[in-house]
Amino acid sequence: MADEQSKKILIVDDEAHIRRLIEFTLKKGGFKMLVATNGREAINLATSDSPDLIIMDVLMPEMDGVEALDLLKQDARTSSIPVILLTGIGQSTTRREVEEKGTATYLAKPFSPNKLLREVERMIEAAGE
């Protein structure tokens, strides 16, 4: 996992305590992190900084995660970046909708930090193969 230390992960969530939890969790894995608070910021950072993975909330102001995912998948510069979407429990239509768009993983809030870290490591490893 030594090569993961150079991997950049974009964290997108409008809730500061969720961003801090994700950052704390990913620091254990040695990842570099970029942070955005809405979908519009996420697209700008993904385009300019080319993260290796994006962890994005669904419900956010300005531009939600589903709309941002659509735009990321349509752009050749960002279409291959794996995305983990986070959302509140019970949004099954959203879940079905995003799985059809090719989201790599979908985690419901509240999520287990250990499970999130395992998913991130698994997806980074799979992307490197």
N, C-alpha and C. Protein backbone atom coordinates (compact mmCIF):
# COMPACT_ATOMS: atom_id res chain seq x y z
N MET A 1 0.80 -1.20 0.00
CA MET A 1 0.00 0.00 0.00
C MET A 1 0.85 1.27 0.00
N ALA A 2 2.14 1.13 -0.14
CA ALA A 2 3.02 2.29 -0.10
C ALA A 2 2.72 3.26 -1.23
N ASP A 3 2.30 2.73 -2.41
CA ASP A 3 2.02 3.61 -3.54
C ASP A 3 0.77 4.45 -3.30
N GLU A 4 -0.08 4.07 -2.37
CA GLU A 4 -1.30 4.82 -2.09
C GLU A 4 -1.00 6.18 -1.49
N GLN A 5 0.19 6.34 -0.90
CA GLN A 5 0.53 7.60 -0.26
C GLN A 5 0.51 8.75 -1.25
N SER A 6 0.72 8.47 -2.53
CA SER A 6 0.70 9.53 -3.53
C SER A 6 -0.69 9.69 -4.14
N LYS A 7 -1.65 8.89 -3.73
CA LYS A 7 -2.99 8.95 -4.31
C LYS A 7 -3.79 10.10 -3.72
N LYS A 8 -4.48 10.83 -4.61
CA LYS A 8 -5.29 11.99 -4.21
C LYS A 8 -6.76 11.61 -4.21
N ILE A 9 -7.44 11.98 -3.15
CA ILE A 9 -8.87 11.71 -3.04
C ILE A 9 -9.60 13.03 -2.84
N LEU A 10 -10.62 13.24 -3.64
CA LEU A 10 -11.45 14.44 -3.54
C LEU A 10 -12.65 14.12 -2.66
N ILE A 11 -12.80 14.86 -1.56
CA ILE A 11 -13.91 14.69 -0.63
C ILE A 11 -14.89 15.83 -0.88
N VAL A 12 -16.15 15.47 -1.17
CA VAL A 12 -17.16 16.47 -1.49
C VAL A 12 -18.36 16.29 -0.57
N ASP A 13 -18.55 17.21 0.36
CA ASP A 13 -19.69 17.15 1.28
C ASP A 13 -19.91 18.54 1.84
N ASP A 14 -21.17 18.95 1.97
CA ASP A 14 -21.45 20.28 2.50
C ASP A 14 -21.43 20.31 4.02
N GLU A 15 -21.37 19.15 4.66
CA GLU A 15 -21.35 19.09 6.13
C GLU A 15 -19.91 18.95 6.62
N ALA A 16 -19.45 19.96 7.39
CA ALA A 16 -18.06 19.99 7.85
C ALA A 16 -17.70 18.78 8.69
N HIS A 17 -18.60 18.31 9.56
CA HIS A 17 -18.25 17.17 10.42
C HIS A 17 -18.09 15.89 9.61
N ILE A 18 -18.81 15.75 8.52
CA ILE A 18 -18.64 14.56 7.65
C ILE A 18 -17.30 14.66 6.93
N ARG A 19 -16.98 15.85 6.42
CA ARG A 19 -15.67 16.02 5.75
C ARG A 19 -14.53 15.69 6.70
N ARG A 20 -14.63 16.18 7.95
CA ARG A 20 -13.56 15.91 8.94
C ARG A 20 -13.46 14.41 9.22
N LEU A 21 -14.58 13.73 9.35
CA LEU A 21 -14.58 12.29 9.60
C LEU A 21 -13.90 11.55 8.44
N ILE A 22 -14.24 11.92 7.22
CA ILE A 22 -13.64 11.27 6.05
C ILE A 22 -12.15 11.57 5.99
N GLU A 23 -11.77 12.83 6.22
CA GLU A 23 -10.34 13.20 6.21
C GLU A 23 -9.57 12.42 7.26
N PHE A 24 -10.10 12.34 8.47
CA PHE A 24 -9.46 11.60 9.56
C PHE A 24 -9.29 10.13 9.17
N THR A 25 -10.33 9.55 8.59
CA THR A 25 -10.30 8.15 8.17
C THR A 25 -9.24 7.92 7.10
N LEU A 26 -9.20 8.79 6.11
CA LEU A 26 -8.27 8.60 4.98
C LEU A 26 -6.82 8.91 5.36
N LYS A 27 -6.62 9.75 6.37
CA LYS A 27 -5.24 10.01 6.83
C LYS A 27 -4.60 8.72 7.30
N LYS A 28 -5.41 7.83 7.89
CA LYS A 28 -4.89 6.52 8.33
C LYS A 28 -4.33 5.74 7.16
N GLY A 29 -4.91 5.95 5.98
CA GLY A 29 -4.45 5.25 4.78
C GLY A 29 -3.32 5.97 4.07
N GLY A 30 -2.95 7.15 4.54
CA GLY A 30 -1.84 7.88 3.94
C GLY A 30 -2.19 8.61 2.65
N PHE A 31 -3.46 8.88 2.42
CA PHE A 31 -3.88 9.54 1.18
C PHE A 31 -3.75 11.05 1.26
N LYS A 32 -3.55 11.69 0.10
CA LYS A 32 -3.61 13.14 -0.01
C LYS A 32 -5.08 13.48 -0.25
N MET A 33 -5.52 14.64 0.24
CA MET A 33 -6.93 14.97 0.10
C MET A 33 -7.17 16.36 -0.46
N LEU A 34 -8.19 16.45 -1.27
CA LEU A 34 -8.73 17.70 -1.79
C LEU A 34 -10.14 17.80 -1.20
N VAL A 35 -10.63 19.00 -0.96
CA VAL A 35 -11.94 19.14 -0.34
C VAL A 35 -12.80 20.14 -1.11
N ALA A 36 -14.07 19.77 -1.32
CA ALA A 36 -15.06 20.64 -1.94
C ALA A 36 -16.34 20.56 -1.13
N THR A 37 -17.15 21.62 -1.20
CA THR A 37 -18.38 21.64 -0.41
C THR A 37 -19.65 21.50 -1.25
N ASN A 38 -19.50 21.43 -2.59
CA ASN A 38 -20.67 21.19 -3.44
C ASN A 38 -20.21 20.62 -4.78
N GLY A 39 -21.17 20.23 -5.60
CA GLY A 39 -20.85 19.59 -6.88
C GLY A 39 -20.08 20.47 -7.83
N ARG A 40 -20.39 21.76 -7.84
CA ARG A 40 -19.69 22.69 -8.74
C ARG A 40 -18.20 22.75 -8.40
N GLU A 41 -17.89 22.88 -7.10
CA GLU A 41 -16.48 22.89 -6.67
C GLU A 41 -15.82 21.55 -7.01
N ALA A 42 -16.57 20.47 -6.84
CA ALA A 42 -16.03 19.13 -7.13
C ALA A 42 -15.61 19.01 -8.59
N ILE A 43 -16.44 19.49 -9.49
CA ILE A 43 -16.12 19.41 -10.92
C ILE A 43 -14.88 20.24 -11.22
N ASN A 44 -14.81 21.45 -10.66
CA ASN A 44 -13.63 22.29 -10.89
C ASN A 44 -12.35 21.62 -10.39
N LEU A 45 -12.40 21.06 -9.17
CA LEU A 45 -11.20 20.40 -8.62
C LEU A 45 -10.87 19.12 -9.38
N ALA A 46 -11.89 18.35 -9.75
CA ALA A 46 -11.63 17.10 -10.48
C ALA A 46 -10.97 17.40 -11.82
N THR A 47 -11.42 18.46 -12.47
CA THR A 47 -10.86 18.83 -13.77
C THR A 47 -9.44 19.37 -13.64
N SER A 48 -9.19 20.19 -12.62
CA SER A 48 -7.87 20.81 -12.50
C SER A 48 -6.84 19.93 -11.80
N ASP A 49 -7.26 19.09 -10.83
CA ASP A 49 -6.30 18.35 -10.02
C ASP A 49 -6.28 16.84 -10.27
N SER A 50 -7.16 16.32 -11.10
CA SER A 50 -7.20 14.89 -11.45
C SER A 50 -7.04 13.95 -10.25
N PRO A 51 -8.01 13.93 -9.34
CA PRO A 51 -7.91 13.01 -8.21
C PRO A 51 -8.01 11.55 -8.68
N ASP A 52 -7.52 10.64 -7.86
CA ASP A 52 -7.58 9.22 -8.18
C ASP A 52 -8.94 8.62 -7.82
N LEU A 53 -9.68 9.33 -6.96
CA LEU A 53 -10.98 8.84 -6.50
C LEU A 53 -11.76 10.03 -5.94
N ILE A 54 -13.09 9.96 -6.04
CA ILE A 54 -13.95 11.01 -5.49
C ILE A 54 -14.93 10.37 -4.52
N ILE A 55 -15.05 10.96 -3.33
CA ILE A 55 -16.07 10.56 -2.36
C ILE A 55 -17.02 11.75 -2.27
N MET A 56 -18.28 11.54 -2.69
CA MET A 56 -19.19 12.67 -2.83
C MET A 56 -20.56 12.40 -2.21
N ASP A 57 -21.04 13.39 -1.47
CA ASP A 57 -22.38 13.36 -0.91
C ASP A 57 -23.38 13.57 -2.04
N VAL A 58 -24.61 13.07 -1.86
CA VAL A 58 -25.64 13.27 -2.87
C VAL A 58 -26.36 14.60 -2.65
N LEU A 59 -26.83 14.84 -1.43
CA LEU A 59 -27.61 16.05 -1.16
C LEU A 59 -26.71 17.20 -0.73
N MET A 60 -26.55 18.19 -1.65
CA MET A 60 -25.72 19.36 -1.37
C MET A 60 -26.36 20.57 -2.04
N PRO A 61 -26.05 21.78 -1.53
CA PRO A 61 -26.56 22.99 -2.18
C PRO A 61 -25.81 23.28 -3.49
N GLU A 62 -26.33 24.17 -4.27
CA GLU A 62 -25.78 24.62 -5.56
C GLU A 62 -25.86 23.54 -6.63
N MET A 63 -25.17 22.43 -6.43
CA MET A 63 -25.22 21.31 -7.37
C MET A 63 -25.08 20.03 -6.56
N ASP A 64 -26.08 19.15 -6.69
CA ASP A 64 -26.02 17.91 -5.89
C ASP A 64 -25.08 16.88 -6.51
N GLY A 65 -24.87 15.80 -5.79
CA GLY A 65 -23.92 14.78 -6.22
C GLY A 65 -24.32 14.06 -7.49
N VAL A 66 -25.62 13.87 -7.70
CA VAL A 66 -26.08 13.17 -8.91
C VAL A 66 -25.82 14.02 -10.15
N GLU A 67 -26.12 15.31 -10.06
CA GLU A 67 -25.86 16.21 -11.19
C GLU A 67 -24.36 16.31 -11.46
N ALA A 68 -23.57 16.41 -10.39
CA ALA A 68 -22.11 16.47 -10.55
C ALA A 68 -21.58 15.17 -11.16
N LEU A 69 -22.12 14.03 -10.72
CA LEU A 69 -21.71 12.74 -11.28
C LEU A 69 -21.98 12.70 -12.78
N ASP A 70 -23.16 13.17 -13.19
CA ASP A 70 -23.49 13.21 -14.62
C ASP A 70 -22.44 13.99 -15.40
N LEU A 71 -22.11 15.17 -14.91
CA LEU A 71 -21.14 16.02 -15.61
C LEU A 71 -19.74 15.41 -15.60
N LEU A 72 -19.36 14.80 -14.50
CA LEU A 72 -18.04 14.14 -14.43
C LEU A 72 -17.94 12.99 -15.42
N LYS A 73 -19.01 12.20 -15.54
CA LYS A 73 -19.00 11.04 -16.44
C LYS A 73 -19.04 11.46 -17.91
N GLN A 74 -19.55 12.68 -18.20
CA GLN A 74 -19.63 13.17 -19.59
C GLN A 74 -18.32 13.80 -20.06
N ASP A 75 -17.44 14.15 -19.13
CA ASP A 75 -16.20 14.84 -19.47
C ASP A 75 -15.07 13.81 -19.60
N ALA A 76 -14.41 13.80 -20.74
CA ALA A 76 -13.34 12.83 -20.98
C ALA A 76 -12.22 12.93 -19.94
N ARG A 77 -12.00 14.13 -19.41
CA ARG A 77 -10.92 14.33 -18.42
C ARG A 77 -11.25 13.69 -17.08
N THR A 78 -12.54 13.50 -16.77
CA THR A 78 -12.93 13.01 -15.46
C THR A 78 -13.77 11.73 -15.50
N SER A 79 -14.13 11.26 -16.68
CA SER A 79 -15.07 10.14 -16.79
C SER A 79 -14.55 8.84 -16.18
N SER A 80 -13.24 8.66 -16.11
CA SER A 80 -12.71 7.40 -15.60
C SER A 80 -12.40 7.44 -14.09
N ILE A 81 -12.61 8.59 -13.45
CA ILE A 81 -12.34 8.68 -12.01
C ILE A 81 -13.43 7.93 -11.25
N PRO A 82 -13.07 6.94 -10.43
CA PRO A 82 -14.07 6.23 -9.64
C PRO A 82 -14.72 7.16 -8.62
N VAL A 83 -16.01 6.94 -8.37
CA VAL A 83 -16.75 7.79 -7.44
C VAL A 83 -17.46 6.92 -6.40
N ILE A 84 -17.34 7.31 -5.14
CA ILE A 84 -18.12 6.71 -4.07
C ILE A 84 -19.15 7.77 -3.68
N LEU A 85 -20.42 7.43 -3.80
CA LEU A 85 -21.47 8.37 -3.40
C LEU A 85 -21.95 8.03 -2.01
N LEU A 86 -22.12 9.06 -1.20
CA LEU A 86 -22.64 8.92 0.17
C LEU A 86 -24.00 9.58 0.24
N THR A 87 -24.94 8.91 0.88
CA THR A 87 -26.24 9.55 1.05
C THR A 87 -26.99 8.96 2.23
N GLY A 88 -28.01 9.66 2.64
CA GLY A 88 -28.84 9.21 3.76
C GLY A 88 -29.58 7.93 3.42
N ILE A 89 -29.86 7.15 4.43
CA ILE A 89 -30.59 5.90 4.26
C ILE A 89 -31.98 6.19 3.73
N GLY A 90 -32.47 5.31 2.87
CA GLY A 90 -33.84 5.41 2.40
C GLY A 90 -34.01 6.11 1.07
N GLN A 91 -32.95 6.50 0.43
CA GLN A 91 -33.07 7.15 -0.88
C GLN A 91 -32.83 6.12 -1.98
N SER A 92 -33.72 5.12 -2.04
CA SER A 92 -33.51 3.99 -2.96
C SER A 92 -33.62 4.40 -4.42
N THR A 93 -34.48 5.36 -4.75
CA THR A 93 -34.55 5.78 -6.15
C THR A 93 -33.25 6.44 -6.56
N THR A 94 -32.67 7.21 -5.67
CA THR A 94 -31.38 7.83 -5.96
C THR A 94 -30.33 6.75 -6.15
N ARG A 95 -30.37 5.73 -5.29
CA ARG A 95 -29.39 4.65 -5.38
C ARG A 95 -29.47 3.96 -6.74
N ARG A 96 -30.66 3.60 -7.15
CA ARG A 96 -30.85 2.94 -8.44
C ARG A 96 -30.37 3.84 -9.57
N GLU A 97 -30.74 5.10 -9.48
CA GLU A 97 -30.38 6.08 -10.50
C GLU A 97 -28.86 6.20 -10.65
N VAL A 98 -28.14 6.32 -9.55
CA VAL A 98 -26.69 6.49 -9.64
C VAL A 98 -25.97 5.20 -10.02
N GLU A 99 -26.50 4.06 -9.61
CA GLU A 99 -25.87 2.80 -10.01
C GLU A 99 -25.94 2.64 -11.53
N GLU A 100 -27.03 3.13 -12.13
CA GLU A 100 -27.16 3.07 -13.59
C GLU A 100 -26.16 4.00 -14.28
N LYS A 101 -25.67 4.99 -13.58
CA LYS A 101 -24.72 5.95 -14.14
C LYS A 101 -23.27 5.46 -14.00
N GLY A 102 -23.07 4.31 -13.40
CA GLY A 102 -21.74 3.76 -13.31
C GLY A 102 -20.95 4.18 -12.08
N THR A 103 -21.63 4.52 -11.00
CA THR A 103 -20.93 4.84 -9.77
C THR A 103 -20.25 3.58 -9.27
N ALA A 104 -19.02 3.70 -8.85
CA ALA A 104 -18.28 2.53 -8.42
C ALA A 104 -18.85 1.93 -7.13
N THR A 105 -19.15 2.77 -6.16
CA THR A 105 -19.65 2.28 -4.87
C THR A 105 -20.62 3.29 -4.31
N TYR A 106 -21.53 2.80 -3.52
CA TYR A 106 -22.57 3.62 -2.93
C TYR A 106 -22.62 3.28 -1.45
N LEU A 107 -22.41 4.23 -0.57
CA LEU A 107 -22.46 3.99 0.87
C LEU A 107 -23.53 4.87 1.51
N ALA A 108 -24.32 4.27 2.39
CA ALA A 108 -25.36 5.02 3.09
C ALA A 108 -24.79 5.64 4.35
N LYS A 109 -25.25 6.86 4.66
CA LYS A 109 -24.91 7.50 5.93
C LYS A 109 -25.91 7.02 6.97
N PRO A 110 -25.53 6.78 8.19
CA PRO A 110 -24.15 6.85 8.66
C PRO A 110 -23.35 5.65 8.15
N PHE A 111 -22.11 5.90 7.77
CA PHE A 111 -21.26 4.83 7.24
C PHE A 111 -20.18 4.48 8.25
N SER A 112 -19.64 3.29 8.09
CA SER A 112 -18.55 2.86 8.95
C SER A 112 -17.25 3.42 8.37
N PRO A 113 -16.47 4.19 9.15
CA PRO A 113 -15.20 4.71 8.64
C PRO A 113 -14.28 3.58 8.15
N ASN A 114 -14.26 2.46 8.85
CA ASN A 114 -13.41 1.34 8.41
C ASN A 114 -13.86 0.78 7.07
N LYS A 115 -15.17 0.69 6.88
CA LYS A 115 -15.69 0.20 5.60
C LYS A 115 -15.34 1.18 4.49
N LEU A 116 -15.45 2.47 4.77
CA LEU A 116 -15.09 3.48 3.77
C LEU A 116 -13.61 3.34 3.39
N LEU A 117 -12.75 3.21 4.37
CA LEU A 117 -11.32 3.07 4.09
C LEU A 117 -11.05 1.81 3.27
N ARG A 118 -11.69 0.70 3.61
CA ARG A 118 -11.53 -0.55 2.83
C ARG A 118 -11.99 -0.36 1.39
N GLU A 119 -13.12 0.32 1.20
CA GLU A 119 -13.64 0.57 -0.16
C GLU A 119 -12.67 1.44 -0.96
N VAL A 120 -12.16 2.48 -0.33
CA VAL A 120 -11.21 3.38 -0.99
C VAL A 120 -9.97 2.59 -1.40
N GLU A 121 -9.42 1.81 -0.48
CA GLU A 121 -8.21 1.02 -0.80
C GLU A 121 -8.48 0.02 -1.90
N ARG A 122 -9.65 -0.64 -1.85
CA ARG A 122 -10.01 -1.62 -2.87
C ARG A 122 -10.12 -0.95 -4.25
N MET A 123 -10.79 0.20 -4.29
CA MET A 123 -11.00 0.87 -5.57
C MET A 123 -9.71 1.46 -6.14
N ILE A 124 -8.84 1.97 -5.27
CA ILE A 124 -7.54 2.49 -5.74
C ILE A 124 -6.71 1.34 -6.30
N GLU A 125 -6.75 0.20 -5.60
CA GLU A 125 -6.01 -0.96 -6.07
C GLU A 125 -6.55 -1.45 -7.41
N ALA A 126 -7.88 -1.53 -7.54
CA ALA A 126 -8.50 -2.00 -8.78
C ALA A 126 -8.20 -1.06 -9.93
N ALA A 127 -8.17 0.24 -9.66
CA ALA A 127 -7.90 1.22 -10.71
C ALA A 127 -6.46 1.13 -11.20
N GLY A 128 -5.56 0.66 -10.34
CA GLY A 128 -4.15 0.55 -10.69
C GLY A 128 -3.80 -0.71 -11.46
N GLU A 129 -4.75 -1.63 -11.57
CA GLU A 129 -4.45 -2.91 -12.25
C GLU A 129 -4.51 -2.77 -13.75
